[in-house]
């Protein structure tokens, strides 16, 4: 797939996302999640599944769909339409806004219960006892991290390997979100999904972090990325959130409760703790990052066209 066609398909997918948003019914990723839950119950029924069980389940869920997508994307005419639709289904820019904006609205009217309910749809931590500052922090962290997972990562792998790349990336990302926890049930069974997600996100996460840095407080963002990200548990979320926090000049990290256990996470960024208004700033950072990637794609396409027609 040439860079010119890739740029057109990316623009088409983002336009579909802007106009239609996430499918409310029969979303492919929701159906995939149900299939993954069914398969996990059979490969890991007692919660003591070994790594090989997780590898087998991962292969069964990934290989057929990705192989089919790889074949379909190469078909004349239909391949381009299929690729645009797959990328549309893989990205979630509008969905990110639809989840985060109600939290900011609830905080603005001091409706903490609604804000907690809203952020509970975005994060895996316990949100029942969060105060307004903690809700704001959790939401900003989720926006920054999901900017990579639900937007830039899918765009990156689409540009690398077309529809098959975007599909494979999002399926692995979904499995990591379901199985990638360090709990007794998933520590071994979810190992393959978590490690593959780390590998696939290595380059996209750093490009996302660089995008955030370029669009905000650049020097501070780069300094936070360099000095704070290594202390974060996740090798990819650390750079993304450290650079994003620095770009926004807010302080993230701190205590959070996951699966009934309190965890203290290293500080990220610099400045005041985020408030409700910083949620909109984080969303704006992601949107502007998308525009930056589109501009880079357009420039590459024009350069390629110019070279091809010289």
Protein backbone atom coordinates (compact mmCIF):
# COMPACT_ATOMS: atom_id res chain seq x y z
CA UNK A 1 0.00 0.00 0.00
CA UNK A 2 1.50 3.31 -1.06
CA UNK A 3 1.78 6.27 1.28
CA UNK A 4 -0.76 8.25 -0.75
CA UNK A 5 -3.44 5.56 -0.39
CA UNK A 6 -2.55 5.04 3.27
CA UNK A 7 -3.02 8.75 3.95
CA UNK A 8 -6.42 8.74 2.23
CA UNK A 9 -7.59 5.67 4.16
CA UNK A 10 -6.44 7.12 7.48
CA UNK A 11 -8.31 10.34 6.73
CA UNK A 12 -11.42 8.36 5.73
CA UNK A 13 -11.33 6.26 8.92
CA UNK A 14 -10.90 9.32 11.13
CA UNK A 15 -13.79 11.02 9.33
CA UNK A 16 -16.00 7.98 9.91
CA UNK A 17 -15.02 8.01 13.58
CA UNK A 18 -15.86 11.71 13.81
CA UNK A 19 -19.24 11.30 12.09
CA UNK A 20 -20.37 7.96 13.49
CA UNK A 21 -18.37 7.36 16.64
CA UNK A 22 -18.14 3.94 18.17
CA UNK A 23 -20.87 1.52 17.03
CA UNK A 24 -23.43 1.35 19.83
CA UNK A 25 -24.54 -2.15 18.92
CA UNK A 26 -22.61 -5.12 17.57
CA UNK A 27 -19.20 -3.52 18.02
CA UNK A 28 -16.60 -6.00 16.66
CA UNK A 29 -14.30 -5.54 19.67
CA UNK A 30 -17.17 -6.20 22.09
CA UNK A 31 -17.95 -9.44 20.27
CA UNK A 32 -14.26 -10.35 20.32
CA UNK A 33 -14.17 -9.68 24.06
CA UNK A 34 -17.05 -12.09 24.64
CA UNK A 35 -15.28 -14.74 22.56
CA UNK A 36 -12.07 -14.18 24.52
CA UNK A 37 -13.93 -14.52 27.84
CA UNK A 38 -15.51 -17.79 26.64
CA UNK A 39 -12.16 -19.19 25.53
CA UNK A 40 -10.41 -18.13 28.74
CA UNK A 41 -13.06 -19.91 30.80
CA UNK A 42 -12.18 -23.13 28.97
CA UNK A 43 -8.40 -22.79 28.88
CA UNK A 44 -8.14 -21.37 32.40
CA UNK A 45 -11.17 -22.81 34.25
CA UNK A 46 -9.60 -23.05 37.70
CA UNK A 47 -7.56 -19.86 37.40
CA UNK A 48 -4.29 -21.77 37.29
CA UNK A 49 -3.69 -21.90 33.55
CA UNK A 50 -0.05 -22.10 32.49
CA UNK A 51 1.73 -19.83 30.05
CA UNK A 52 1.30 -22.37 27.26
CA UNK A 53 -2.48 -22.27 27.76
CA UNK A 54 -2.37 -18.49 27.37
CA UNK A 55 -0.19 -18.76 24.26
CA UNK A 56 -2.60 -21.26 22.69
CA UNK A 57 -5.65 -19.11 23.46
CA UNK A 58 -3.88 -16.03 22.12
CA UNK A 59 -3.01 -17.79 18.86
CA UNK A 60 -6.54 -19.12 18.37
CA UNK A 61 -7.99 -15.63 18.83
CA UNK A 62 -5.45 -13.77 16.68
CA UNK A 63 -4.16 -15.86 13.81
CA UNK A 64 -7.39 -16.57 11.85
CA UNK A 65 -8.70 -13.00 11.94
CA UNK A 66 -5.37 -11.33 11.19
CA UNK A 67 -4.65 -13.78 8.35
CA UNK A 68 -8.08 -13.14 6.83
CA UNK A 69 -7.59 -9.38 7.13
CA UNK A 70 -4.20 -9.68 5.46
CA UNK A 71 -5.80 -11.45 2.52
CA UNK A 72 -8.79 -9.12 2.22
CA UNK A 73 -6.70 -5.93 2.30
CA UNK A 74 -4.88 -7.09 -0.84
CA UNK A 75 -8.02 -7.50 -2.92
CA UNK A 76 -8.66 -4.87 -5.62
CA UNK A 77 -11.21 -2.16 -4.72
CA UNK A 78 -12.72 -4.15 -1.86
CA UNK A 79 -9.37 -4.11 -0.08
CA UNK A 80 -9.32 -0.32 0.30
CA UNK A 81 -12.90 -0.18 1.62
CA UNK A 82 -12.23 -3.07 3.99
CA UNK A 83 -9.04 -1.40 5.27
CA UNK A 84 -10.79 1.90 5.97
CA UNK A 85 -13.59 0.13 7.86
CA UNK A 86 -11.16 -1.92 9.94
CA UNK A 87 -9.20 1.18 10.92
CA UNK A 88 -12.45 2.98 11.76
CA UNK A 89 -13.40 0.09 14.07
CA UNK A 90 -9.90 0.02 15.59
CA UNK A 91 -9.60 3.68 16.57
CA UNK A 92 -11.63 5.28 19.34
CA UNK A 93 -10.96 9.01 19.27
CA UNK A 94 -14.60 10.08 19.51
CA UNK A 95 -15.29 7.35 22.05
CA UNK A 96 -12.48 8.72 24.21
CA UNK A 97 -14.20 12.10 24.20
CA UNK A 98 -17.60 10.56 24.88
CA UNK A 99 -16.26 8.85 27.98
CA UNK A 100 -14.10 11.66 29.37
CA UNK A 101 -16.24 14.74 28.70
CA UNK A 102 -19.16 13.63 30.95
CA UNK A 103 -16.68 13.24 33.82
CA UNK A 104 -15.49 16.83 33.33
CA UNK A 105 -19.12 18.03 33.11
CA UNK A 106 -20.04 16.21 36.33
CA UNK A 107 -17.04 17.68 38.14
CA UNK A 108 -17.96 21.17 36.93
CA UNK A 109 -21.40 20.85 38.57
CA UNK A 110 -19.93 19.21 41.71
CA UNK A 111 -21.71 15.92 41.05
CA UNK A 112 -19.03 13.63 42.43
CA UNK A 113 -21.17 10.48 42.24
CA UNK A 114 -21.73 10.98 38.50
CA UNK A 115 -18.04 11.76 38.00
CA UNK A 116 -17.05 8.56 39.81
CA UNK A 117 -19.52 6.55 37.74
CA UNK A 118 -18.13 8.08 34.55
CA UNK A 119 -14.49 7.44 35.33
CA UNK A 120 -15.30 3.87 36.39
CA UNK A 121 -16.10 3.22 32.71
CA UNK A 122 -12.56 4.28 31.75
CA UNK A 123 -10.25 2.74 34.36
CA UNK A 124 -9.77 -0.59 36.10
CA UNK A 125 -9.04 0.91 39.53
CA UNK A 126 -11.64 1.19 42.32
CA UNK A 127 -13.41 4.55 41.91
CA UNK A 128 -16.03 4.36 44.69
CA UNK A 129 -14.10 6.48 47.20
CA UNK A 130 -12.26 8.87 44.87
CA UNK A 131 -12.42 12.58 45.63
CA UNK A 132 -12.70 15.22 42.89
CA UNK A 133 -8.93 15.58 42.52
CA UNK A 134 -8.45 11.82 42.25
CA UNK A 135 -11.24 11.55 39.67
CA UNK A 136 -9.59 14.27 37.59
CA UNK A 137 -6.20 12.57 37.85
CA UNK A 138 -7.58 9.15 36.90
CA UNK A 139 -9.41 10.62 33.91
CA UNK A 140 -6.41 12.57 32.62
CA UNK A 141 -4.21 9.48 33.00
CA UNK A 142 -6.75 7.40 31.09
CA UNK A 143 -7.07 9.95 28.29
CA UNK A 144 -3.30 10.15 27.84
CA UNK A 145 -2.77 6.38 27.94
CA UNK A 146 -5.75 5.59 25.72
CA UNK A 147 -4.60 8.22 23.27
CA UNK A 148 -1.88 5.70 22.52
CA UNK A 149 -3.88 2.48 22.91
CA UNK A 150 -7.06 3.54 21.10
CA UNK A 151 -5.70 6.01 18.56
CA UNK A 152 -2.00 6.32 17.80
CA UNK A 153 -1.10 2.65 18.23
CA UNK A 154 -3.78 1.59 15.76
CA UNK A 155 -2.69 4.31 13.31
CA UNK A 156 0.95 3.25 13.58
CA UNK A 157 0.28 -0.42 12.89
CA UNK A 158 -2.10 0.44 10.06
CA UNK A 159 0.68 2.41 8.39
CA UNK A 160 3.11 -0.47 8.95
CA UNK A 161 0.94 -3.44 7.97
CA UNK A 162 -2.44 -2.17 6.79
CA UNK A 163 -5.74 -3.51 8.11
CA UNK A 164 -4.07 -6.68 9.41
CA UNK A 165 -1.68 -4.58 11.49
CA UNK A 166 -4.39 -2.37 12.97
CA UNK A 167 -6.64 -5.34 13.67
CA UNK A 168 -3.90 -7.42 15.26
CA UNK A 169 -2.81 -4.50 17.42
CA UNK A 170 -6.29 -3.78 18.75
CA UNK A 171 -7.04 -7.44 19.40
CA UNK A 172 -3.83 -7.84 21.38
CA UNK A 173 -4.57 -4.60 23.23
CA UNK A 174 -8.03 -5.90 24.12
CA UNK A 175 -6.62 -9.20 25.39
CA UNK A 176 -4.04 -7.37 27.47
CA UNK A 177 -6.84 -5.29 29.03
CA UNK A 178 -8.70 -8.52 29.87
CA UNK A 179 -5.85 -10.87 30.83
CA UNK A 180 -2.81 -8.70 31.49
CA UNK A 181 -3.22 -8.38 35.26
CA UNK A 182 -0.70 -9.61 37.84
CA UNK A 183 -3.39 -11.45 39.79
CA UNK A 184 -3.30 -15.16 40.67
CA UNK A 185 -5.77 -15.95 37.87
CA UNK A 186 -3.92 -14.13 35.09
CA UNK A 187 -0.27 -13.97 36.14
CA UNK A 188 0.68 -17.00 34.02
CA UNK A 189 -2.27 -17.31 31.65
CA UNK A 190 -2.14 -13.63 30.64
CA UNK A 191 1.65 -13.49 30.30
CA UNK A 192 1.69 -13.93 26.51
CA UNK A 193 -0.96 -11.26 25.89
CA UNK A 194 0.80 -8.78 28.19
CA UNK A 195 4.24 -9.36 26.67
CA UNK A 196 2.98 -9.16 23.08
CA UNK A 197 1.17 -5.93 23.91
CA UNK A 198 4.42 -4.54 25.32
CA UNK A 199 6.26 -5.42 22.10
CA UNK A 200 3.60 -4.00 19.77
CA UNK A 201 3.33 -0.79 21.79
CA UNK A 202 7.05 -0.08 22.11
CA UNK A 203 7.38 2.19 19.06
CA UNK A 204 3.84 3.67 19.03
CA UNK A 205 4.09 4.64 22.69
CA UNK A 206 7.29 6.57 22.11
CA UNK A 207 5.89 8.30 19.04
CA UNK A 208 2.82 9.20 21.11
CA UNK A 209 5.03 10.55 23.88
CA UNK A 210 7.00 12.60 21.35
CA UNK A 211 3.76 13.96 19.85
CA UNK A 212 2.54 15.04 23.30
CA UNK A 213 5.89 16.67 24.01
CA UNK A 214 5.95 18.61 20.75
CA UNK A 215 2.44 19.97 21.35
CA UNK A 216 2.87 21.11 24.95
CA UNK A 217 5.64 22.16 27.32
CA UNK A 218 8.23 20.41 25.18
CA UNK A 219 11.34 20.67 27.35
CA UNK A 220 9.48 19.75 30.52
CA UNK A 221 7.73 16.84 28.80
CA UNK A 222 11.00 15.43 27.48
CA UNK A 223 12.64 15.83 30.91
CA UNK A 224 9.75 14.02 32.64
CA UNK A 225 9.89 11.25 30.04
CA UNK A 226 13.63 10.81 30.54
CA UNK A 227 13.70 10.92 34.35
CA UNK A 228 10.29 9.61 35.48
CA UNK A 229 9.13 7.02 32.94
CA UNK A 230 11.75 4.37 33.94
CA UNK A 231 10.21 4.18 37.43
CA UNK A 232 6.77 3.30 36.06
CA UNK A 233 5.71 -0.37 36.01
CA UNK A 234 4.63 -0.36 32.37
CA UNK A 235 7.47 0.18 29.86
CA UNK A 236 5.06 1.91 27.47
CA UNK A 237 2.50 3.68 29.66
CA UNK A 238 5.37 5.34 31.54
CA UNK A 239 6.73 7.35 28.58
CA UNK A 240 3.23 8.21 27.34
CA UNK A 241 1.92 9.50 30.66
CA UNK A 242 5.17 11.13 31.78
CA UNK A 243 5.46 13.09 28.54
CA UNK A 244 1.74 13.90 28.57
CA UNK A 245 1.84 15.10 32.17
CA UNK A 246 4.89 17.24 31.44
CA UNK A 247 3.28 18.66 28.29
CA UNK A 248 0.20 19.65 30.33
CA UNK A 249 2.28 20.72 33.35
CA UNK A 250 0.27 18.62 35.81
CA UNK A 251 1.22 15.99 38.38
CA UNK A 252 -0.01 12.42 37.92
CA UNK A 253 0.64 9.13 39.69
CA UNK A 254 0.19 8.50 43.42
CA UNK A 255 -2.02 6.04 45.25
CA UNK A 256 -4.69 3.94 43.52
CA UNK A 257 -6.66 0.81 44.42
CA UNK A 258 -6.63 -2.09 41.96
CA UNK A 259 -8.54 -5.34 42.62
CA UNK A 260 -8.83 -4.51 46.30
CA UNK A 261 -5.13 -3.75 46.78
CA UNK A 262 -3.70 -0.27 47.25
CA UNK A 263 -0.74 0.62 45.04
CA UNK A 264 1.47 3.67 45.20
CA UNK A 265 2.67 4.69 41.77
CA UNK A 266 5.64 7.02 41.14
CA UNK A 267 4.95 10.66 40.38
CA UNK A 268 4.72 11.73 36.75
CA UNK A 269 4.87 15.28 35.42
CA UNK A 270 5.32 18.48 37.35
CA UNK A 271 3.00 21.15 38.68
CA UNK A 272 -0.39 21.10 40.35
CA UNK A 273 -2.64 18.07 40.60
CA UNK A 274 -5.08 18.00 37.66
CA UNK A 275 -8.53 19.54 38.02
CA UNK A 276 -11.66 19.00 35.98
CA UNK A 277 -10.58 21.54 33.37
CA UNK A 278 -7.41 19.57 32.66
CA UNK A 279 -9.50 16.74 31.22
CA UNK A 280 -10.41 18.97 28.28
CA UNK A 281 -6.75 19.94 27.92
CA UNK A 282 -5.72 16.28 27.78
CA UNK A 283 -8.35 15.55 25.12
CA UNK A 284 -7.13 18.56 23.15
CA UNK A 285 -3.57 17.22 23.33
CA UNK A 286 -4.72 13.91 21.80
CA UNK A 287 -6.74 15.68 19.06
CA UNK A 288 -3.83 17.90 18.15
CA UNK A 289 -1.59 14.83 18.09
CA UNK A 290 -3.91 13.29 15.49
CA UNK A 291 -3.71 16.48 13.42
CA UNK A 292 0.08 16.40 13.69
CA UNK A 293 0.16 12.80 12.41
CA UNK A 294 -2.23 13.70 9.58
CA UNK A 295 -0.04 16.63 8.60
CA UNK A 296 3.05 14.41 8.58
CA UNK A 297 1.21 11.82 6.48
CA UNK A 298 0.02 14.47 4.03
CA UNK A 299 3.55 15.84 3.69
CA UNK A 300 4.93 12.35 3.08
CA UNK A 301 2.21 11.64 0.52
CA UNK A 302 2.86 14.89 -1.33
CA UNK A 303 6.58 14.23 -1.31
CA UNK A 304 6.03 10.72 -2.61
CA UNK A 305 3.70 11.97 -5.32
CA UNK A 306 6.17 14.65 -6.31
CA UNK A 307 9.05 12.17 -6.54
CA UNK A 308 6.90 9.74 -8.49
CA UNK A 309 5.90 12.41 -11.02
CA UNK A 310 9.22 14.19 -11.37
